[in-house]
N, C-alpha and C. Protein backbone atom coordinates (compact mmCIF):
# COMPACT_ATOMS: atom_id res chain seq x y z
N MET A 1 108.02 100.73 90.83
CA MET A 1 108.59 100.39 89.53
C MET A 1 107.47 100.33 88.49
N THR A 2 107.64 101.05 87.42
CA THR A 2 106.67 101.00 86.34
C THR A 2 107.09 99.91 85.37
N HIS A 3 106.14 99.09 84.99
CA HIS A 3 106.39 97.98 84.10
C HIS A 3 106.11 98.40 82.66
N VAL A 4 106.71 97.69 81.71
CA VAL A 4 106.50 97.96 80.29
C VAL A 4 105.01 97.97 79.97
N LEU A 5 104.29 97.00 80.48
CA LEU A 5 102.87 96.89 80.19
C LEU A 5 102.09 98.11 80.68
N GLU A 6 102.40 98.57 81.86
CA GLU A 6 101.70 99.75 82.40
C GLU A 6 102.02 100.99 81.57
N GLN A 7 103.28 101.14 81.17
CA GLN A 7 103.65 102.28 80.33
C GLN A 7 102.95 102.22 78.99
N ALA A 8 102.95 101.04 78.37
CA ALA A 8 102.35 100.89 77.05
C ALA A 8 100.85 101.13 77.06
N ALA A 9 100.19 100.75 78.16
CA ALA A 9 98.75 100.94 78.27
C ALA A 9 98.41 102.33 78.81
N ASP A 10 99.46 103.13 79.06
CA ASP A 10 99.29 104.50 79.55
C ASP A 10 98.51 104.54 80.87
N VAL A 11 98.86 103.61 81.77
CA VAL A 11 98.23 103.57 83.09
C VAL A 11 98.82 104.70 83.92
N PRO A 12 98.00 105.55 84.50
CA PRO A 12 98.54 106.64 85.33
C PRO A 12 99.24 106.07 86.57
N THR A 13 100.12 106.86 87.15
CA THR A 13 100.86 106.40 88.33
C THR A 13 100.03 106.49 89.59
N THR A 14 98.91 107.21 89.54
CA THR A 14 98.02 107.30 90.68
C THR A 14 96.59 107.10 90.19
N GLY A 15 95.72 106.76 91.11
CA GLY A 15 94.31 106.58 90.75
C GLY A 15 93.88 105.15 90.94
N PRO A 16 92.59 104.88 90.69
CA PRO A 16 92.03 103.55 90.94
C PRO A 16 92.71 102.41 90.17
N LEU A 17 93.02 102.64 88.90
CA LEU A 17 93.64 101.57 88.12
C LEU A 17 95.06 101.31 88.62
N ALA A 18 95.80 102.35 88.91
CA ALA A 18 97.15 102.19 89.46
C ALA A 18 97.09 101.47 90.80
N ASP A 19 96.10 101.81 91.61
CA ASP A 19 95.94 101.15 92.91
C ASP A 19 95.61 99.67 92.73
N ALA A 20 94.74 99.36 91.77
CA ALA A 20 94.36 97.97 91.53
C ALA A 20 95.57 97.15 91.07
N LEU A 21 96.40 97.74 90.23
CA LEU A 21 97.59 97.03 89.76
C LEU A 21 98.63 96.89 90.88
N ALA A 22 98.69 97.88 91.76
CA ALA A 22 99.63 97.79 92.89
C ALA A 22 99.27 96.62 93.80
N VAL A 23 97.97 96.37 93.97
CA VAL A 23 97.53 95.24 94.78
C VAL A 23 97.95 93.93 94.11
N ARG A 24 98.00 93.94 92.79
CA ARG A 24 98.38 92.75 92.03
C ARG A 24 99.83 92.86 91.54
N HIS A 25 100.67 93.42 92.39
CA HIS A 25 102.06 93.68 91.98
C HIS A 25 102.80 92.40 91.62
N LYS A 26 102.48 91.29 92.26
CA LYS A 26 103.17 90.03 91.91
C LYS A 26 102.87 89.64 90.47
N LEU A 27 101.62 89.79 90.06
CA LEU A 27 101.26 89.49 88.68
C LEU A 27 102.01 90.41 87.72
N MET A 28 102.07 91.69 88.06
CA MET A 28 102.76 92.64 87.20
C MET A 28 104.26 92.35 87.17
N ASP A 29 104.83 91.97 88.32
CA ASP A 29 106.25 91.62 88.37
C ASP A 29 106.53 90.37 87.53
N LEU A 30 105.65 89.39 87.60
CA LEU A 30 105.81 88.17 86.80
C LEU A 30 105.66 88.47 85.31
N THR A 31 104.75 89.37 84.98
CA THR A 31 104.58 89.76 83.58
C THR A 31 105.84 90.46 83.08
N GLN A 32 106.43 91.30 83.90
CA GLN A 32 107.67 91.98 83.53
C GLN A 32 108.81 90.96 83.37
N ALA A 33 108.88 90.00 84.27
CA ALA A 33 109.91 88.96 84.16
C ALA A 33 109.71 88.14 82.89
N SER A 34 108.47 87.88 82.54
CA SER A 34 108.18 87.16 81.30
C SER A 34 108.60 87.98 80.08
N TYR A 35 108.38 89.28 80.15
CA TYR A 35 108.82 90.19 79.09
C TYR A 35 110.34 90.06 78.89
N GLU A 36 111.05 90.13 79.99
CA GLU A 36 112.51 90.07 79.90
C GLU A 36 112.97 88.72 79.36
N ALA A 37 112.32 87.64 79.77
CA ALA A 37 112.68 86.31 79.27
C ALA A 37 112.37 86.16 77.79
N ALA A 38 111.26 86.73 77.34
CA ALA A 38 110.85 86.58 75.94
C ALA A 38 111.61 87.51 75.00
N LEU A 39 111.86 88.75 75.45
CA LEU A 39 112.47 89.74 74.57
C LEU A 39 113.96 89.95 74.80
N LEU A 40 114.42 89.70 75.99
CA LEU A 40 115.81 89.97 76.33
C LEU A 40 116.44 88.76 77.02
N PRO A 41 116.33 87.57 76.44
CA PRO A 41 116.79 86.37 77.12
C PRO A 41 118.32 86.30 77.22
N SER A 42 118.78 85.59 78.22
CA SER A 42 120.23 85.39 78.34
C SER A 42 120.71 84.42 77.26
N ASP A 43 119.84 83.51 76.81
CA ASP A 43 120.16 82.59 75.73
C ASP A 43 119.10 82.75 74.65
N ALA A 44 119.41 83.54 73.63
CA ALA A 44 118.45 83.81 72.56
C ALA A 44 118.40 82.68 71.53
N GLY A 45 119.34 81.75 71.61
CA GLY A 45 119.38 80.69 70.61
C GLY A 45 119.55 81.28 69.23
N GLN A 46 118.82 80.76 68.27
CA GLN A 46 118.88 81.25 66.90
C GLN A 46 117.72 82.20 66.58
N VAL A 47 117.17 82.80 67.64
CA VAL A 47 116.12 83.83 67.49
C VAL A 47 116.68 85.09 68.17
N PRO A 48 117.55 85.82 67.47
CA PRO A 48 118.23 86.97 68.07
C PRO A 48 117.26 88.03 68.60
N VAL A 49 117.74 88.79 69.56
CA VAL A 49 116.89 89.79 70.21
C VAL A 49 116.37 90.83 69.22
N ALA A 50 117.12 91.17 68.20
CA ALA A 50 116.65 92.15 67.22
C ALA A 50 115.46 91.58 66.44
N ILE A 51 115.51 90.31 66.09
CA ILE A 51 114.38 89.68 65.39
C ILE A 51 113.19 89.59 66.33
N ARG A 52 113.43 89.29 67.60
CA ARG A 52 112.35 89.25 68.58
C ARG A 52 111.66 90.61 68.66
N ALA A 53 112.45 91.69 68.70
CA ALA A 53 111.87 93.03 68.77
C ALA A 53 111.07 93.34 67.50
N ALA A 54 111.59 92.94 66.34
CA ALA A 54 110.89 93.19 65.07
C ALA A 54 109.57 92.43 65.03
N LEU A 55 109.59 91.17 65.45
CA LEU A 55 108.35 90.39 65.46
C LEU A 55 107.35 90.96 66.47
N ALA A 56 107.83 91.36 67.64
CA ALA A 56 106.94 91.94 68.64
C ALA A 56 106.32 93.24 68.13
N CYS A 57 107.12 94.06 67.46
CA CYS A 57 106.61 95.31 66.89
C CYS A 57 105.55 94.99 65.83
N ARG A 58 105.81 94.00 65.01
CA ARG A 58 104.85 93.60 63.98
C ARG A 58 103.54 93.16 64.61
N MET A 59 103.61 92.32 65.67
CA MET A 59 102.40 91.84 66.33
C MET A 59 101.62 93.01 66.96
N ALA A 60 102.34 93.95 67.56
CA ALA A 60 101.68 95.12 68.16
C ALA A 60 101.00 95.97 67.08
N ARG A 61 101.63 96.09 65.93
CA ARG A 61 101.02 96.85 64.83
C ARG A 61 99.78 96.13 64.30
N ILE A 62 99.87 94.81 64.19
CA ILE A 62 98.71 94.04 63.72
C ILE A 62 97.53 94.29 64.65
N CYS A 63 97.79 94.31 65.95
CA CYS A 63 96.72 94.50 66.95
C CYS A 63 96.41 95.97 67.21
N GLN A 64 97.11 96.86 66.53
CA GLN A 64 96.88 98.30 66.63
C GLN A 64 96.97 98.80 68.08
N GLN A 65 97.97 98.32 68.81
CA GLN A 65 98.19 98.75 70.19
C GLN A 65 99.33 99.76 70.15
N ALA A 66 98.97 101.03 70.19
CA ALA A 66 99.94 102.11 69.98
C ALA A 66 101.08 102.10 70.99
N GLY A 67 100.77 101.89 72.26
CA GLY A 67 101.81 101.94 73.28
C GLY A 67 102.85 100.85 73.10
N LEU A 68 102.42 99.63 72.85
CA LEU A 68 103.38 98.55 72.65
C LEU A 68 104.07 98.66 71.29
N THR A 69 103.37 99.17 70.28
CA THR A 69 104.02 99.41 68.99
C THR A 69 105.19 100.37 69.19
N GLN A 70 104.95 101.47 69.91
CA GLN A 70 106.01 102.44 70.14
C GLN A 70 107.14 101.83 70.96
N HIS A 71 106.79 101.09 72.00
CA HIS A 71 107.82 100.46 72.84
C HIS A 71 108.70 99.54 72.01
N TYR A 72 108.08 98.68 71.20
CA TYR A 72 108.86 97.72 70.43
C TYR A 72 109.60 98.39 69.27
N ALA A 73 109.06 99.45 68.70
CA ALA A 73 109.78 100.21 67.68
C ALA A 73 111.03 100.85 68.29
N ASP A 74 110.89 101.37 69.50
CA ASP A 74 112.05 101.96 70.20
C ASP A 74 113.08 100.88 70.53
N LEU A 75 112.62 99.73 70.98
CA LEU A 75 113.52 98.62 71.29
C LEU A 75 114.26 98.20 70.02
N LEU A 76 113.53 98.07 68.93
CA LEU A 76 114.12 97.68 67.65
C LEU A 76 115.16 98.71 67.20
N ALA A 77 114.85 99.98 67.37
CA ALA A 77 115.78 101.04 66.97
C ALA A 77 117.10 100.94 67.74
N GLY A 78 117.05 100.41 68.94
CA GLY A 78 118.26 100.25 69.73
C GLY A 78 119.20 99.18 69.19
N TYR A 79 118.74 98.39 68.25
CA TYR A 79 119.57 97.33 67.68
C TYR A 79 120.22 97.73 66.36
N GLY A 80 120.09 98.98 65.97
CA GLY A 80 120.75 99.44 64.76
C GLY A 80 119.76 99.74 63.65
N SER A 81 120.30 99.86 62.46
CA SER A 81 119.49 100.32 61.34
C SER A 81 119.34 99.27 60.25
N ASP A 82 119.29 98.01 60.61
CA ASP A 82 119.11 96.95 59.62
C ASP A 82 117.74 97.10 58.97
N ALA A 83 117.73 97.53 57.71
CA ALA A 83 116.47 97.80 57.00
C ALA A 83 115.56 96.57 56.96
N ASP A 84 116.15 95.38 56.88
CA ASP A 84 115.34 94.17 56.84
C ASP A 84 114.50 94.02 58.09
N LEU A 85 115.07 94.36 59.24
CA LEU A 85 114.31 94.25 60.48
C LEU A 85 113.15 95.23 60.51
N TYR A 86 113.36 96.43 59.99
CA TYR A 86 112.27 97.41 59.95
C TYR A 86 111.18 96.96 58.98
N GLN A 87 111.57 96.26 57.92
CA GLN A 87 110.57 95.72 56.99
C GLN A 87 109.75 94.62 57.66
N ILE A 88 110.41 93.78 58.46
CA ILE A 88 109.72 92.71 59.17
C ILE A 88 108.71 93.28 60.15
N ALA A 89 109.04 94.41 60.75
CA ALA A 89 108.18 95.02 61.77
C ALA A 89 106.89 95.57 61.18
N GLU A 90 106.80 95.67 59.86
CA GLU A 90 105.61 96.20 59.20
C GLU A 90 104.70 95.06 58.74
N PRO A 91 103.48 94.99 59.27
CA PRO A 91 102.54 93.97 58.77
C PRO A 91 102.36 94.10 57.26
N GLY A 92 102.23 92.98 56.61
CA GLY A 92 102.07 92.98 55.16
C GLY A 92 103.39 92.74 54.44
N ASN A 93 104.49 93.13 55.05
CA ASN A 93 105.80 92.88 54.45
C ASN A 93 106.27 91.48 54.82
N LYS A 94 106.87 90.82 53.87
CA LYS A 94 107.42 89.48 54.09
C LYS A 94 108.90 89.51 53.74
N PRO A 95 109.69 88.72 54.46
CA PRO A 95 111.10 88.61 54.09
C PRO A 95 111.23 87.95 52.71
N PRO A 96 112.36 88.13 52.05
CA PRO A 96 112.57 87.46 50.76
C PRO A 96 112.46 85.95 50.93
N ALA A 97 112.02 85.28 49.89
CA ALA A 97 111.85 83.83 49.93
C ALA A 97 113.16 83.12 50.25
N SER A 98 114.27 83.76 49.93
CA SER A 98 115.58 83.16 50.20
C SER A 98 115.86 83.07 51.71
N GLU A 99 115.15 83.83 52.49
CA GLU A 99 115.31 83.81 53.95
C GLU A 99 114.22 82.93 54.56
N LYS A 100 114.35 81.63 54.33
CA LYS A 100 113.32 80.68 54.72
C LYS A 100 113.00 80.72 56.22
N ARG A 101 114.06 80.75 57.04
CA ARG A 101 113.84 80.72 58.49
C ARG A 101 113.04 81.94 58.93
N LEU A 102 113.47 83.10 58.50
CA LEU A 102 112.82 84.34 58.90
C LEU A 102 111.40 84.41 58.35
N SER A 103 111.23 83.99 57.13
CA SER A 103 109.90 83.98 56.52
C SER A 103 108.96 83.07 57.29
N ALA A 104 109.44 81.91 57.70
CA ALA A 104 108.62 80.98 58.48
C ALA A 104 108.25 81.57 59.84
N MET A 105 109.20 82.27 60.47
CA MET A 105 108.92 82.90 61.77
C MET A 105 107.85 83.98 61.63
N VAL A 106 107.95 84.79 60.59
CA VAL A 106 106.97 85.85 60.35
C VAL A 106 105.59 85.24 60.10
N THR A 107 105.54 84.22 59.27
CA THR A 107 104.27 83.55 58.96
C THR A 107 103.64 83.00 60.23
N TYR A 108 104.44 82.37 61.07
CA TYR A 108 103.94 81.80 62.32
C TYR A 108 103.43 82.91 63.27
N ALA A 109 104.21 83.96 63.43
CA ALA A 109 103.81 85.07 64.31
C ALA A 109 102.51 85.70 63.83
N ASP A 110 102.39 85.91 62.52
CA ASP A 110 101.16 86.49 61.96
C ASP A 110 99.96 85.58 62.22
N LEU A 111 100.14 84.30 61.96
CA LEU A 111 99.04 83.35 62.14
C LEU A 111 98.55 83.33 63.57
N VAL A 112 99.46 83.17 64.51
CA VAL A 112 99.05 83.07 65.92
C VAL A 112 98.47 84.39 66.42
N THR A 113 98.93 85.50 65.90
CA THR A 113 98.41 86.80 66.31
C THR A 113 97.02 87.06 65.73
N GLN A 114 96.83 86.70 64.48
CA GLN A 114 95.58 87.02 63.80
C GLN A 114 94.53 85.92 63.89
N ARG A 115 94.95 84.67 63.85
CA ARG A 115 94.01 83.55 63.83
C ARG A 115 94.55 82.38 64.65
N PRO A 116 94.70 82.56 65.95
CA PRO A 116 95.34 81.51 66.76
C PRO A 116 94.64 80.15 66.66
N ARG A 117 93.35 80.15 66.47
CA ARG A 117 92.62 78.87 66.37
C ARG A 117 92.97 78.08 65.12
N ASP A 118 93.52 78.77 64.14
CA ASP A 118 93.87 78.10 62.89
C ASP A 118 95.25 77.44 62.94
N ALA A 119 96.03 77.70 63.99
CA ALA A 119 97.37 77.13 64.10
C ALA A 119 97.28 75.62 64.34
N THR A 120 98.08 74.88 63.58
CA THR A 120 98.06 73.42 63.68
C THR A 120 99.49 72.88 63.77
N LYS A 121 99.59 71.59 63.94
CA LYS A 121 100.91 70.96 63.98
C LYS A 121 101.63 71.12 62.64
N GLU A 122 100.88 71.32 61.57
CA GLU A 122 101.51 71.55 60.27
C GLU A 122 102.28 72.87 60.25
N ASP A 123 101.82 73.84 61.02
CA ASP A 123 102.54 75.12 61.11
C ASP A 123 103.86 74.95 61.84
N ILE A 124 103.88 74.09 62.83
CA ILE A 124 105.13 73.77 63.52
C ILE A 124 106.05 73.00 62.58
N GLN A 125 105.47 72.10 61.80
CA GLN A 125 106.24 71.34 60.82
C GLN A 125 106.87 72.29 59.79
N ALA A 126 106.15 73.32 59.40
CA ALA A 126 106.69 74.29 58.44
C ALA A 126 107.91 75.00 59.02
N LEU A 127 107.88 75.27 60.33
CA LEU A 127 109.04 75.88 60.98
C LEU A 127 110.23 74.92 60.92
N LYS A 128 109.98 73.66 61.20
CA LYS A 128 111.06 72.65 61.15
C LYS A 128 111.62 72.54 59.73
N GLU A 129 110.73 72.53 58.75
CA GLU A 129 111.18 72.42 57.35
C GLU A 129 111.97 73.64 56.90
N ALA A 130 111.77 74.77 57.58
CA ALA A 130 112.54 75.97 57.26
C ALA A 130 113.91 75.96 57.93
N GLY A 131 114.19 74.88 58.69
CA GLY A 131 115.50 74.75 59.31
C GLY A 131 115.57 75.28 60.73
N ILE A 132 114.43 75.48 61.35
CA ILE A 132 114.40 75.98 62.72
C ILE A 132 114.39 74.78 63.66
N GLU A 133 115.35 74.75 64.56
CA GLU A 133 115.47 73.65 65.52
C GLU A 133 114.36 73.72 66.55
N GLU A 134 114.05 72.58 67.16
CA GLU A 134 112.96 72.51 68.13
C GLU A 134 113.14 73.50 69.28
N SER A 135 114.35 73.64 69.79
CA SER A 135 114.56 74.57 70.90
C SER A 135 114.24 76.01 70.48
N ASP A 136 114.51 76.35 69.24
CA ASP A 136 114.19 77.69 68.75
C ASP A 136 112.70 77.83 68.42
N ILE A 137 112.06 76.74 68.05
CA ILE A 137 110.60 76.78 67.87
C ILE A 137 109.94 77.07 69.21
N VAL A 138 110.46 76.46 70.27
CA VAL A 138 109.93 76.73 71.61
C VAL A 138 110.17 78.19 71.98
N ARG A 139 111.35 78.70 71.69
CA ARG A 139 111.65 80.12 71.96
C ARG A 139 110.69 81.04 71.20
N LEU A 140 110.50 80.75 69.92
CA LEU A 140 109.61 81.55 69.08
C LEU A 140 108.17 81.48 69.60
N ALA A 141 107.71 80.29 69.90
CA ALA A 141 106.34 80.12 70.41
C ALA A 141 106.16 80.87 71.73
N GLY A 142 107.16 80.84 72.58
CA GLY A 142 107.09 81.58 73.85
C GLY A 142 107.01 83.08 73.61
N LEU A 143 107.81 83.58 72.68
CA LEU A 143 107.77 85.00 72.34
C LEU A 143 106.40 85.40 71.82
N VAL A 144 105.90 84.65 70.85
CA VAL A 144 104.61 84.96 70.24
C VAL A 144 103.49 84.89 71.27
N ALA A 145 103.51 83.86 72.10
CA ALA A 145 102.49 83.73 73.14
C ALA A 145 102.55 84.88 74.13
N PHE A 146 103.76 85.23 74.58
CA PHE A 146 103.87 86.31 75.55
C PHE A 146 103.40 87.64 74.96
N VAL A 147 103.87 87.98 73.77
CA VAL A 147 103.50 89.27 73.19
C VAL A 147 101.99 89.34 72.98
N ASN A 148 101.38 88.26 72.56
CA ASN A 148 99.92 88.27 72.38
C ASN A 148 99.20 88.41 73.72
N TYR A 149 99.70 87.78 74.76
CA TYR A 149 99.16 87.98 76.12
C TYR A 149 99.28 89.45 76.49
N GLN A 150 100.47 90.00 76.31
CA GLN A 150 100.74 91.39 76.66
C GLN A 150 99.81 92.34 75.89
N LEU A 151 99.60 92.07 74.62
CA LEU A 151 98.71 92.91 73.81
C LEU A 151 97.29 92.89 74.34
N ARG A 152 96.83 91.73 74.74
CA ARG A 152 95.45 91.64 75.24
C ARG A 152 95.30 92.31 76.60
N VAL A 153 96.28 92.15 77.46
CA VAL A 153 96.21 92.82 78.77
C VAL A 153 96.30 94.33 78.59
N ALA A 154 97.17 94.79 77.71
CA ALA A 154 97.28 96.23 77.45
C ALA A 154 95.96 96.79 76.93
N ALA A 155 95.29 96.05 76.06
CA ALA A 155 93.99 96.50 75.53
C ALA A 155 92.98 96.63 76.66
N VAL A 156 92.95 95.65 77.56
CA VAL A 156 92.01 95.70 78.68
C VAL A 156 92.34 96.88 79.61
N LEU A 157 93.61 97.06 79.92
CA LEU A 157 94.00 98.17 80.80
C LEU A 157 93.64 99.52 80.17
N SER A 158 93.85 99.64 78.88
CA SER A 158 93.51 100.89 78.20
C SER A 158 92.02 101.18 78.27
N VAL A 159 91.21 100.15 78.06
CA VAL A 159 89.75 100.31 78.12
C VAL A 159 89.33 100.65 79.55
N MET A 160 89.92 99.98 80.52
CA MET A 160 89.58 100.26 81.92
C MET A 160 89.89 101.71 82.27
N GLU A 161 91.03 102.21 81.82
CA GLU A 161 91.41 103.59 82.12
C GLU A 161 90.47 104.56 81.41
N LYS A 162 90.12 104.28 80.15
CA LYS A 162 89.21 105.16 79.41
C LYS A 162 87.83 105.16 80.06
N ASP A 163 87.35 103.98 80.48
CA ASP A 163 86.04 103.91 81.14
C ASP A 163 86.05 104.70 82.44
N LYS A 164 87.15 104.63 83.18
CA LYS A 164 87.25 105.36 84.44
C LYS A 164 87.21 106.86 84.17
N VAL A 165 87.92 107.28 83.12
CA VAL A 165 87.93 108.70 82.76
C VAL A 165 86.54 109.13 82.32
N GLY A 166 85.88 108.27 81.54
CA GLY A 166 84.53 108.57 81.08
C GLY A 166 83.54 108.71 82.24
N GLU A 167 83.69 107.90 83.26
CA GLU A 167 82.81 107.96 84.43
C GLU A 167 83.05 109.23 85.24
N ALA A 168 84.28 109.74 85.21
CA ALA A 168 84.62 110.91 86.00
C ALA A 168 84.01 112.20 85.40
N LYS A 169 83.63 112.16 84.14
CA LYS A 169 83.10 113.37 83.48
C LYS A 169 81.69 113.69 83.90
């Protein structure tokens, strides 16, 4: 079974890197299960799956991870043609001020993706003040944490594969 992370990092199906990941199949299976829980949960609460896909696409674009950007853009496209969601998926774009909840989610996702050390309890308070319930703050934080984990692992896998190719020359 090929996992989202392996596809996004363009890990070949055979070779040393594929073999190394096969040995760590439990980790890859758990990462895939975490993906499904974060992006395709059975209970999305007030953080719908389309918004999750838009935020994940935005985070992947911020980190310039082409494979995950494409994956999340494709996932987002599967939810229809809501122009607002496509705007959210683009770094630099912000939702209208009238959409306080969505604006707060975007601000939080950007902060944790770009400057995680700068995140404070005041940022969580801003989510609450935007009308986001604690259970949805937990859902959002889980999504942001997972996607950022996934982005970093994909970056490492991509470098490992490129280094292996470079050594073969």
